[in-house]
Each structure stands twice: as structure tokens, then as C-alpha cells.
Amino acid sequence: MYSLNVPVPSAVAHLASDLARELPEARARRRGEHTLVCKRLDGAGADAGHRSGAGGRPATAGRLDARVREAVAGTAPFAVRVAGVDQFSEAVTGPSPVVYLAVDSPGLLDLHRRFCESFEPVEGLESEDYTPHVTVARGGSAAAADALCERDVDPVEWTVEELQVYDAEHAQPVSTLSLPA
């Protein structure tokens, strides 16, 4: 599965890692694994064969990259703010609860809506159900998750100046797009 991601600054990854220590029974994200997904791109323009394209990349990645670049055209840098801790008490997939850093960004929401017009939304996770967030940890004690969500955190703000097409199967970005696009 591919996704369009916003790279998170080290201050956000550090905050998430620090908070995860308070959820010892949960599965925490390790540093370098923290992501802010703008839109999942599963199956978007993919061919089942995964033939190799230029540079040894799957041909699918090249076609997907072209579609993403077209959809992101005209996007200016935008502000993002992490302002608190929240949770999905019942996750759509995987272990629950999911404790996360809540993200506030009108620019990110606009970009997500635009991508939902070009790439089919994942039911239950995207479009009107989209909640921008950076996962801290999954599973573990509901009481510990509730307690952590009551905690105040110092806001972290940054300007998004690049986006990444991310390959979840190989856990790595396959391309980077600079903004303005």
C-alpha cells in the first residue's frame, strides 16, 4: 500500500516517543516510524504485475508518482499544528485503543479532500471520517490511554514544504514532492 505522507519534524517524533513511555502495555511507534498520512493510495493506478520501471522501481510506483504530482499541482506550503493527545477507543483496523497526537491543519484537510476526488477514499478512514493524527501507540490499557489523553502537551507547529509518497510494504518513501508544487 502506498500513501501520501507529511514528514513529521523531530520534535513531533520525540514528543510521541516520550508519551509512548506512559503506555507500557501498548505497541509504540519507534522513532523514524512516525507518520502523518494525508491520503492512502492503495491500488491507485497499480498494475498487478509490479513490472520494474526506471531505476529498478516498480512500474506501479512511477505511474502513481505521476498521478500524485498531478493531484498536488498548485499546492502551496501549509501550516500544521500538533496541539494535544487524543485516542480512537475503537480502531477501524488493528489493536485498540489508538493513542495519537491530534493535528490541526486546514491546509492538510483541503489537500486530503482534493486527493479524495482523485483517489478513492478508504471507507471508515478517509473523506468525512479523516482525522489527521500521528500515532503514539496501539493497544494496551484503556485506562492508561484515557489518562494520557488528559495530559497537556506543548504545541508543535511547522510549515509543510514537502510531501512523500510512502511505500508501506517496504517501509520507505519512494518519492518526495517539494511545495509549492
N, C-alpha and C. Protein backbone atom coordinates (compact mmCIF):
# COMPACT_ATOMS: atom_id res chain seq x y z
N MET A 1 0.83 -1.18 0.00
CA MET A 1 0.00 0.00 0.00
C MET A 1 0.88 1.24 0.00
N TYR A 2 0.48 2.21 -0.77
CA TYR A 2 1.15 3.49 -0.83
C TYR A 2 0.29 4.53 -0.12
N SER A 3 0.94 5.61 0.31
CA SER A 3 0.20 6.72 0.90
C SER A 3 0.95 8.02 0.60
N LEU A 4 0.22 9.11 0.68
CA LEU A 4 0.82 10.43 0.60
C LEU A 4 0.98 10.90 2.03
N ASN A 5 2.22 11.15 2.45
CA ASN A 5 2.52 11.48 3.84
C ASN A 5 3.14 12.85 3.97
N VAL A 6 2.92 13.45 5.13
CA VAL A 6 3.58 14.68 5.53
C VAL A 6 4.72 14.27 6.46
N PRO A 7 5.96 14.57 6.11
CA PRO A 7 7.05 14.25 7.03
C PRO A 7 6.86 15.00 8.35
N VAL A 8 7.10 14.32 9.47
CA VAL A 8 6.96 14.96 10.77
C VAL A 8 8.33 15.40 11.27
N PRO A 9 8.39 16.59 11.88
CA PRO A 9 9.68 17.04 12.40
C PRO A 9 10.10 16.22 13.62
N SER A 10 11.38 16.30 13.93
CA SER A 10 11.91 15.51 15.05
C SER A 10 11.22 15.86 16.37
N ALA A 11 10.78 17.10 16.54
CA ALA A 11 10.10 17.48 17.78
C ALA A 11 8.81 16.68 17.96
N VAL A 12 8.11 16.39 16.88
CA VAL A 12 6.87 15.60 16.95
C VAL A 12 7.20 14.15 17.25
N ALA A 13 8.20 13.59 16.58
CA ALA A 13 8.61 12.21 16.84
C ALA A 13 9.09 12.05 18.28
N HIS A 14 9.82 13.03 18.77
CA HIS A 14 10.31 12.99 20.15
C HIS A 14 9.15 13.04 21.14
N LEU A 15 8.18 13.92 20.90
CA LEU A 15 7.01 14.01 21.77
C LEU A 15 6.24 12.69 21.78
N ALA A 16 6.01 12.11 20.61
CA ALA A 16 5.28 10.85 20.53
C ALA A 16 6.03 9.74 21.28
N SER A 17 7.34 9.69 21.13
CA SER A 17 8.14 8.67 21.82
C SER A 17 8.10 8.85 23.33
N ASP A 18 8.17 10.09 23.78
CA ASP A 18 8.09 10.36 25.22
C ASP A 18 6.73 9.94 25.78
N LEU A 19 5.66 10.26 25.08
CA LEU A 19 4.31 9.90 25.54
C LEU A 19 4.12 8.38 25.56
N ALA A 20 4.68 7.70 24.59
CA ALA A 20 4.53 6.25 24.49
C ALA A 20 5.09 5.53 25.72
N ARG A 21 6.06 6.12 26.37
CA ARG A 21 6.63 5.50 27.59
C ARG A 21 5.58 5.37 28.69
N GLU A 22 4.53 6.18 28.60
CA GLU A 22 3.47 6.12 29.61
C GLU A 22 2.41 5.07 29.27
N LEU A 23 2.64 4.34 28.20
CA LEU A 23 1.74 3.26 27.77
C LEU A 23 2.54 1.97 27.62
N PRO A 24 3.06 1.43 28.72
CA PRO A 24 3.99 0.30 28.63
C PRO A 24 3.39 -0.98 28.04
N GLU A 25 2.07 -1.14 28.11
CA GLU A 25 1.45 -2.36 27.57
C GLU A 25 1.10 -2.22 26.10
N ALA A 26 1.21 -1.02 25.56
CA ALA A 26 0.84 -0.76 24.17
C ALA A 26 2.05 -0.94 23.25
N ARG A 27 1.77 -1.12 21.97
CA ARG A 27 2.82 -1.20 20.97
C ARG A 27 3.08 0.21 20.43
N ALA A 28 4.22 0.76 20.81
CA ALA A 28 4.58 2.13 20.43
C ALA A 28 5.26 2.15 19.07
N ARG A 29 5.13 3.27 18.41
CA ARG A 29 5.89 3.50 17.18
C ARG A 29 7.31 3.87 17.58
N ARG A 30 8.26 3.32 16.87
CA ARG A 30 9.66 3.69 17.12
C ARG A 30 9.98 4.97 16.36
N ARG A 31 11.01 5.64 16.80
CA ARG A 31 11.45 6.84 16.09
C ARG A 31 11.75 6.48 14.65
N GLY A 32 11.35 7.35 13.75
CA GLY A 32 11.52 7.09 12.33
C GLY A 32 10.29 6.44 11.73
N GLU A 33 9.39 5.92 12.57
CA GLU A 33 8.16 5.29 12.08
C GLU A 33 6.95 6.21 12.20
N HIS A 34 7.13 7.39 12.78
CA HIS A 34 6.01 8.30 12.95
C HIS A 34 5.66 8.94 11.61
N THR A 35 4.38 8.88 11.28
CA THR A 35 3.91 9.44 10.02
C THR A 35 2.65 10.26 10.24
N LEU A 36 2.41 11.14 9.30
CA LEU A 36 1.17 11.89 9.23
C LEU A 36 0.62 11.62 7.83
N VAL A 37 -0.33 10.72 7.76
CA VAL A 37 -0.88 10.32 6.47
C VAL A 37 -1.88 11.36 5.99
N CYS A 38 -1.68 11.83 4.77
CA CYS A 38 -2.64 12.74 4.15
C CYS A 38 -3.71 11.94 3.42
N LYS A 39 -3.28 10.89 2.68
CA LYS A 39 -4.24 10.08 1.91
C LYS A 39 -3.60 8.74 1.56
N ARG A 40 -4.33 7.66 1.79
CA ARG A 40 -3.89 6.34 1.36
C ARG A 40 -4.11 6.24 -0.14
N LEU A 41 -3.19 5.59 -0.82
CA LEU A 41 -3.24 5.50 -2.28
C LEU A 41 -3.31 4.05 -2.72
N ASP A 42 -3.87 3.19 -1.90
CA ASP A 42 -3.94 1.75 -2.15
C ASP A 42 -4.58 1.44 -3.49
N GLY A 43 -3.84 0.73 -4.33
CA GLY A 43 -4.38 0.28 -5.61
C GLY A 43 -4.54 1.39 -6.62
N ALA A 44 -4.11 2.58 -6.30
CA ALA A 44 -4.31 3.72 -7.18
C ALA A 44 -3.43 3.62 -8.41
N GLY A 45 -4.01 3.24 -9.51
CA GLY A 45 -3.27 3.16 -10.76
C GLY A 45 -2.30 2.01 -10.79
N ALA A 46 -2.44 1.08 -9.88
CA ALA A 46 -1.49 -0.04 -9.79
C ALA A 46 -1.82 -1.11 -10.82
N ASP A 47 -0.78 -1.78 -11.28
CA ASP A 47 -0.99 -2.98 -12.07
C ASP A 47 -0.55 -4.16 -11.22
N ALA A 48 -1.16 -5.27 -11.40
CA ALA A 48 -0.89 -6.44 -10.55
C ALA A 48 0.50 -6.99 -10.76
N GLY A 49 1.12 -6.71 -11.91
CA GLY A 49 2.40 -7.33 -12.22
C GLY A 49 3.59 -6.72 -11.53
N HIS A 50 3.52 -5.48 -11.08
CA HIS A 50 4.66 -4.79 -10.47
C HIS A 50 5.91 -4.92 -11.34
N ARG A 51 5.77 -4.70 -12.66
CA ARG A 51 6.94 -4.74 -13.52
C ARG A 51 7.91 -3.65 -13.13
N SER A 52 9.19 -3.90 -13.33
CA SER A 52 10.18 -2.91 -12.96
C SER A 52 10.21 -1.79 -13.97
N GLY A 53 10.34 -0.57 -13.44
CA GLY A 53 10.46 0.60 -14.28
C GLY A 53 11.87 1.14 -14.17
N ALA A 54 12.04 2.41 -14.48
CA ALA A 54 13.35 3.04 -14.43
C ALA A 54 13.92 2.97 -13.02
N GLY A 55 15.20 2.72 -12.94
CA GLY A 55 15.88 2.71 -11.65
C GLY A 55 15.51 1.52 -10.77
N GLY A 56 14.87 0.49 -11.33
CA GLY A 56 14.52 -0.68 -10.56
C GLY A 56 13.26 -0.51 -9.72
N ARG A 57 12.64 0.68 -9.78
CA ARG A 57 11.39 0.88 -9.04
C ARG A 57 10.28 0.16 -9.76
N PRO A 58 9.30 -0.34 -9.04
CA PRO A 58 8.16 -0.95 -9.70
C PRO A 58 7.49 0.05 -10.63
N ALA A 59 7.04 -0.41 -11.79
CA ALA A 59 6.36 0.46 -12.74
C ALA A 59 5.16 1.13 -12.08
N THR A 60 4.52 0.44 -11.16
CA THR A 60 3.38 0.98 -10.44
C THR A 60 3.75 2.27 -9.73
N ALA A 61 4.90 2.29 -9.08
CA ALA A 61 5.33 3.47 -8.34
C ALA A 61 5.50 4.66 -9.27
N GLY A 62 6.02 4.45 -10.45
CA GLY A 62 6.20 5.53 -11.41
C GLY A 62 4.87 6.12 -11.86
N ARG A 63 3.91 5.27 -12.17
CA ARG A 63 2.58 5.77 -12.57
C ARG A 63 1.89 6.46 -11.41
N LEU A 64 2.01 5.90 -10.23
CA LEU A 64 1.41 6.50 -9.05
C LEU A 64 2.03 7.87 -8.78
N ASP A 65 3.34 7.95 -8.88
CA ASP A 65 4.04 9.20 -8.65
C ASP A 65 3.53 10.28 -9.62
N ALA A 66 3.32 9.93 -10.86
CA ALA A 66 2.81 10.88 -11.85
C ALA A 66 1.41 11.36 -11.48
N ARG A 67 0.55 10.45 -11.05
CA ARG A 67 -0.81 10.83 -10.64
C ARG A 67 -0.79 11.73 -9.41
N VAL A 68 0.09 11.42 -8.47
CA VAL A 68 0.20 12.23 -7.26
C VAL A 68 0.69 13.62 -7.61
N ARG A 69 1.72 13.71 -8.46
CA ARG A 69 2.25 15.02 -8.84
C ARG A 69 1.17 15.86 -9.53
N GLU A 70 0.35 15.23 -10.33
CA GLU A 70 -0.74 15.95 -10.99
C GLU A 70 -1.75 16.46 -9.96
N ALA A 71 -2.11 15.62 -9.00
CA ALA A 71 -3.11 15.99 -8.00
C ALA A 71 -2.60 17.05 -7.02
N VAL A 72 -1.29 17.08 -6.77
CA VAL A 72 -0.73 18.03 -5.81
C VAL A 72 -0.35 19.36 -6.47
N ALA A 73 -0.41 19.42 -7.80
CA ALA A 73 -0.02 20.63 -8.53
C ALA A 73 -0.76 21.85 -7.98
N GLY A 74 -0.01 22.92 -7.77
CA GLY A 74 -0.58 24.16 -7.27
C GLY A 74 -0.66 24.25 -5.77
N THR A 75 -0.26 23.21 -5.05
CA THR A 75 -0.32 23.23 -3.59
C THR A 75 0.82 24.07 -3.02
N ALA A 76 0.47 25.04 -2.21
CA ALA A 76 1.45 25.88 -1.54
C ALA A 76 1.80 25.26 -0.19
N PRO A 77 2.94 25.63 0.39
CA PRO A 77 3.25 25.18 1.75
C PRO A 77 2.10 25.55 2.69
N PHE A 78 1.89 24.73 3.72
CA PHE A 78 0.79 24.98 4.64
C PHE A 78 1.23 24.67 6.07
N ALA A 79 0.51 25.28 7.02
CA ALA A 79 0.84 25.15 8.43
C ALA A 79 0.18 23.92 9.03
N VAL A 80 0.89 23.31 9.97
CA VAL A 80 0.39 22.16 10.73
C VAL A 80 0.70 22.41 12.20
N ARG A 81 -0.22 21.98 13.06
CA ARG A 81 -0.03 22.16 14.49
C ARG A 81 -0.47 20.91 15.23
N VAL A 82 0.41 20.39 16.06
CA VAL A 82 0.07 19.31 16.99
C VAL A 82 -0.23 19.99 18.31
N ALA A 83 -1.44 19.78 18.82
CA ALA A 83 -1.86 20.56 19.98
C ALA A 83 -2.36 19.73 21.15
N GLY A 84 -2.38 18.42 21.01
CA GLY A 84 -2.89 17.63 22.12
C GLY A 84 -2.82 16.15 21.86
N VAL A 85 -3.29 15.39 22.84
CA VAL A 85 -3.30 13.93 22.77
C VAL A 85 -4.76 13.49 22.76
N ASP A 86 -5.09 12.54 21.90
CA ASP A 86 -6.44 12.01 21.82
C ASP A 86 -6.34 10.52 21.51
N GLN A 87 -7.48 9.89 21.30
CA GLN A 87 -7.47 8.45 21.01
C GLN A 87 -8.67 8.04 20.18
N PHE A 88 -8.48 6.95 19.46
CA PHE A 88 -9.58 6.20 18.86
C PHE A 88 -9.79 5.04 19.83
N SER A 89 -10.87 5.03 20.58
CA SER A 89 -11.06 3.96 21.55
C SER A 89 -11.32 2.64 20.84
N GLU A 90 -11.93 2.69 19.67
CA GLU A 90 -12.14 1.51 18.83
C GLU A 90 -11.56 1.79 17.45
N ALA A 91 -10.42 1.21 17.15
CA ALA A 91 -9.78 1.43 15.86
C ALA A 91 -10.55 0.74 14.74
N VAL A 92 -10.50 1.33 13.55
CA VAL A 92 -11.13 0.71 12.38
C VAL A 92 -10.42 -0.60 12.05
N THR A 93 -9.11 -0.61 12.16
CA THR A 93 -8.31 -1.82 11.97
C THR A 93 -7.24 -1.88 13.05
N GLY A 94 -6.81 -3.07 13.39
CA GLY A 94 -5.73 -3.25 14.34
C GLY A 94 -6.15 -3.09 15.79
N PRO A 95 -5.17 -3.22 16.69
CA PRO A 95 -5.44 -3.15 18.13
C PRO A 95 -5.97 -1.79 18.57
N SER A 96 -6.79 -1.82 19.60
CA SER A 96 -7.34 -0.59 20.20
C SER A 96 -6.94 -0.57 21.67
N PRO A 97 -6.92 0.59 22.28
CA PRO A 97 -7.13 1.91 21.70
C PRO A 97 -5.91 2.36 20.90
N VAL A 98 -6.10 3.41 20.09
CA VAL A 98 -5.00 4.04 19.37
C VAL A 98 -4.85 5.44 19.96
N VAL A 99 -3.74 5.67 20.64
CA VAL A 99 -3.45 6.99 21.20
C VAL A 99 -2.65 7.75 20.15
N TYR A 100 -3.02 9.01 19.95
CA TYR A 100 -2.36 9.78 18.90
C TYR A 100 -2.20 11.25 19.27
N LEU A 101 -1.30 11.91 18.55
CA LEU A 101 -1.16 13.35 18.63
C LEU A 101 -2.17 13.95 17.66
N ALA A 102 -3.05 14.81 18.17
CA ALA A 102 -4.07 15.44 17.35
C ALA A 102 -3.45 16.54 16.51
N VAL A 103 -3.79 16.55 15.23
CA VAL A 103 -3.23 17.50 14.27
C VAL A 103 -4.31 18.47 13.81
N ASP A 104 -3.97 19.75 13.83
CA ASP A 104 -4.86 20.80 13.35
C ASP A 104 -4.19 21.43 12.13
N SER A 105 -4.86 21.38 10.97
CA SER A 105 -4.30 21.98 9.77
C SER A 105 -5.37 22.10 8.69
N PRO A 106 -5.94 23.28 8.53
CA PRO A 106 -6.90 23.46 7.43
C PRO A 106 -6.27 23.14 6.07
N GLY A 107 -5.00 23.46 5.88
CA GLY A 107 -4.33 23.17 4.61
C GLY A 107 -4.25 21.68 4.34
N LEU A 108 -3.97 20.89 5.37
CA LEU A 108 -3.91 19.44 5.22
C LEU A 108 -5.30 18.88 4.91
N LEU A 109 -6.32 19.39 5.59
CA LEU A 109 -7.69 18.94 5.31
C LEU A 109 -8.09 19.25 3.87
N ASP A 110 -7.73 20.43 3.39
CA ASP A 110 -8.03 20.79 2.00
C ASP A 110 -7.33 19.85 1.02
N LEU A 111 -6.05 19.56 1.29
CA LEU A 111 -5.30 18.65 0.42
C LEU A 111 -5.91 17.26 0.45
N HIS A 112 -6.31 16.78 1.62
CA HIS A 112 -6.94 15.47 1.73
C HIS A 112 -8.22 15.42 0.89
N ARG A 113 -9.05 16.45 1.00
CA ARG A 113 -10.30 16.48 0.21
C ARG A 113 -10.01 16.44 -1.28
N ARG A 114 -9.01 17.20 -1.68
CA ARG A 114 -8.64 17.23 -3.10
C ARG A 114 -8.18 15.85 -3.57
N PHE A 115 -7.41 15.16 -2.74
CA PHE A 115 -6.94 13.82 -3.11
C PHE A 115 -8.08 12.81 -3.13
N CYS A 116 -9.09 13.01 -2.29
CA CYS A 116 -10.25 12.10 -2.30
C CYS A 116 -11.03 12.22 -3.60
N GLU A 117 -10.87 13.33 -4.30
CA GLU A 117 -11.50 13.48 -5.62
C GLU A 117 -10.75 12.71 -6.69
N SER A 118 -9.44 12.54 -6.51
CA SER A 118 -8.61 11.85 -7.50
C SER A 118 -8.35 10.39 -7.18
N PHE A 119 -8.38 10.03 -5.89
CA PHE A 119 -8.11 8.68 -5.43
C PHE A 119 -9.25 8.28 -4.50
N GLU A 120 -9.83 7.13 -4.73
CA GLU A 120 -10.99 6.70 -3.97
C GLU A 120 -10.69 6.67 -2.46
N PRO A 121 -11.56 7.29 -1.66
CA PRO A 121 -11.36 7.27 -0.20
C PRO A 121 -11.52 5.88 0.38
N VAL A 122 -10.75 5.59 1.41
CA VAL A 122 -10.87 4.33 2.13
C VAL A 122 -12.02 4.49 3.12
N GLU A 123 -13.03 3.64 2.99
CA GLU A 123 -14.22 3.74 3.82
C GLU A 123 -13.86 3.61 5.30
N GLY A 124 -14.44 4.48 6.10
CA GLY A 124 -14.24 4.45 7.54
C GLY A 124 -12.99 5.17 8.02
N LEU A 125 -12.09 5.54 7.08
CA LEU A 125 -10.84 6.20 7.46
C LEU A 125 -10.65 7.56 6.81
N GLU A 126 -11.28 7.76 5.67
CA GLU A 126 -10.99 8.96 4.90
C GLU A 126 -12.26 9.73 4.56
N SER A 127 -12.08 10.78 3.79
CA SER A 127 -13.16 11.68 3.43
C SER A 127 -13.71 12.30 4.71
N GLU A 128 -14.99 12.16 4.98
CA GLU A 128 -15.57 12.75 6.19
C GLU A 128 -15.07 12.08 7.47
N ASP A 129 -14.53 10.86 7.37
CA ASP A 129 -14.02 10.13 8.53
C ASP A 129 -12.55 10.42 8.82
N TYR A 130 -11.90 11.25 8.01
CA TYR A 130 -10.47 11.52 8.14
C TYR A 130 -10.19 12.34 9.39
N THR A 131 -9.29 11.85 10.22
CA THR A 131 -8.81 12.55 11.40
C THR A 131 -7.29 12.62 11.30
N PRO A 132 -6.75 13.78 10.94
CA PRO A 132 -5.29 13.86 10.84
C PRO A 132 -4.65 13.63 12.20
N HIS A 133 -3.65 12.74 12.23
CA HIS A 133 -3.03 12.38 13.51
C HIS A 133 -1.68 11.73 13.30
N VAL A 134 -0.90 11.71 14.36
CA VAL A 134 0.36 10.98 14.41
C VAL A 134 0.20 9.94 15.52
N THR A 135 0.23 8.66 15.15
CA THR A 135 0.03 7.60 16.13
C THR A 135 1.18 7.55 17.13
N VAL A 136 0.81 7.47 18.41
CA VAL A 136 1.77 7.31 19.50
C VAL A 136 1.93 5.82 19.80
N ALA A 137 0.78 5.12 20.01
CA ALA A 137 0.82 3.70 20.36
C ALA A 137 -0.55 3.07 20.13
N ARG A 138 -0.55 1.73 19.97
CA ARG A 138 -1.79 0.96 19.77
C ARG A 138 -1.89 -0.13 20.83
N GLY A 139 -3.14 -0.38 21.24
CA GLY A 139 -3.39 -1.45 22.19
C GLY A 139 -3.05 -1.05 23.61
N GLY A 140 -3.04 -2.03 24.47
CA GLY A 140 -2.71 -1.78 25.87
C GLY A 140 -3.93 -1.39 26.69
N SER A 141 -3.66 -0.77 27.80
CA SER A 141 -4.68 -0.43 28.79
C SER A 141 -5.52 0.77 28.37
N ALA A 142 -6.85 0.59 28.38
CA ALA A 142 -7.76 1.70 28.08
C ALA A 142 -7.64 2.78 29.14
N ALA A 143 -7.45 2.39 30.39
CA ALA A 143 -7.32 3.37 31.48
C ALA A 143 -6.06 4.22 31.29
N ALA A 144 -4.96 3.60 30.90
CA ALA A 144 -3.72 4.35 30.66
C ALA A 144 -3.89 5.30 29.48
N ALA A 145 -4.58 4.84 28.44
CA ALA A 145 -4.85 5.70 27.28
C ALA A 145 -5.70 6.89 27.69
N ASP A 146 -6.75 6.64 28.48
CA ASP A 146 -7.62 7.73 28.95
C ASP A 146 -6.81 8.75 29.74
N ALA A 147 -5.96 8.28 30.63
CA ALA A 147 -5.15 9.17 31.46
C ALA A 147 -4.20 10.01 30.61
N LEU A 148 -3.59 9.40 29.62
CA LEU A 148 -2.65 10.12 28.77
C LEU A 148 -3.37 11.20 27.95
N CYS A 149 -4.60 10.93 27.56
CA CYS A 149 -5.37 11.91 26.78
C CYS A 149 -5.75 13.14 27.61
N GLU A 150 -5.66 13.03 28.91
CA GLU A 150 -5.94 14.17 29.79
C GLU A 150 -4.73 15.09 29.94
N ARG A 151 -3.60 14.63 29.47
CA ARG A 151 -2.34 15.35 29.66
C ARG A 151 -2.22 16.51 28.69
N ASP A 152 -1.74 17.65 29.19
CA ASP A 152 -1.45 18.80 28.33
C ASP A 152 -0.07 18.62 27.73
N VAL A 153 0.07 18.99 26.47
CA VAL A 153 1.37 18.96 25.81
C VAL A 153 1.62 20.33 25.18
N ASP A 154 2.89 20.69 25.10
CA ASP A 154 3.25 21.93 24.42
C ASP A 154 2.99 21.75 22.93
N PRO A 155 2.34 22.71 22.31
CA PRO A 155 2.08 22.59 20.87
C PRO A 155 3.38 22.56 20.05
N VAL A 156 3.34 21.87 18.94
CA VAL A 156 4.44 21.86 17.99
C VAL A 156 3.85 22.33 16.67
N GLU A 157 4.45 23.36 16.09
CA GLU A 157 3.97 23.91 14.82
C GLU A 157 5.08 23.86 13.80
N TRP A 158 4.70 23.63 12.55
CA TRP A 158 5.67 23.67 11.48
C TRP A 158 4.95 23.96 10.17
N THR A 159 5.73 24.29 9.16
CA THR A 159 5.20 24.52 7.82
C THR A 159 5.60 23.35 6.94
N VAL A 160 4.62 22.76 6.30
CA VAL A 160 4.88 21.63 5.40
C VAL A 160 5.38 22.18 4.08
N GLU A 161 6.60 21.80 3.73
CA GLU A 161 7.22 22.26 2.49
C GLU A 161 7.52 21.12 1.54
N GLU A 162 7.22 19.87 1.99
CA GLU A 162 7.38 18.72 1.12
C GLU A 162 6.43 17.62 1.55
N LEU A 163 6.10 16.78 0.61
CA LEU A 163 5.25 15.61 0.84
C LEU A 163 6.01 14.40 0.34
N GLN A 164 5.63 13.22 0.83
CA GLN A 164 6.28 11.99 0.40
C GLN A 164 5.25 10.97 -0.04
N VAL A 165 5.55 10.28 -1.13
CA VAL A 165 4.80 9.08 -1.47
C VAL A 165 5.53 7.96 -0.75
N TYR A 166 4.80 7.24 0.10
CA TYR A 166 5.38 6.26 1.01
C TYR A 166 4.91 4.87 0.64
N ASP A 167 5.83 3.92 0.60
CA ASP A 167 5.54 2.52 0.32
C ASP A 167 5.55 1.76 1.65
N ALA A 168 4.36 1.42 2.15
CA ALA A 168 4.26 0.76 3.46
C ALA A 168 4.86 -0.64 3.44
N GLU A 169 4.75 -1.32 2.31
CA GLU A 169 5.29 -2.69 2.22
C GLU A 169 6.79 -2.71 2.48
N HIS A 170 7.50 -1.71 1.97
CA HIS A 170 8.95 -1.64 2.14
C HIS A 170 9.36 -0.62 3.20
N ALA A 171 8.38 0.02 3.83
CA ALA A 171 8.62 1.00 4.90
C ALA A 171 9.62 2.07 4.50
N GLN A 172 9.35 2.69 3.33
CA GLN A 172 10.24 3.75 2.88
C GLN A 172 9.54 4.67 1.88
N PRO A 173 9.99 5.93 1.85
CA PRO A 173 9.45 6.83 0.85
C PRO A 173 9.96 6.45 -0.54
N VAL A 174 9.11 6.59 -1.55
CA VAL A 174 9.54 6.29 -2.92
C VAL A 174 9.75 7.56 -3.72
N SER A 175 9.17 8.68 -3.24
CA SER A 175 9.45 9.97 -3.88
C SER A 175 9.09 11.09 -2.92
N THR A 176 9.69 12.23 -3.18
CA THR A 176 9.45 13.43 -2.39
C THR A 176 9.01 14.54 -3.33
N LEU A 177 7.99 15.29 -2.93
CA LEU A 177 7.47 16.39 -3.72
C LEU A 177 7.64 17.68 -2.94
N SER A 178 8.35 18.64 -3.48
CA SER A 178 8.53 19.92 -2.82
C SER A 178 7.35 20.81 -3.08
N LEU A 179 7.01 21.63 -2.09
CA LEU A 179 5.95 22.61 -2.22
C LEU A 179 6.59 23.99 -2.27
N PRO A 180 6.08 24.95 -3.06
CA PRO A 180 4.87 24.82 -3.85
C PRO A 180 5.09 23.87 -5.03
N ALA A 181 4.04 23.13 -5.30
CA ALA A 181 4.11 22.13 -6.38
C ALA A 181 3.55 22.70 -7.67
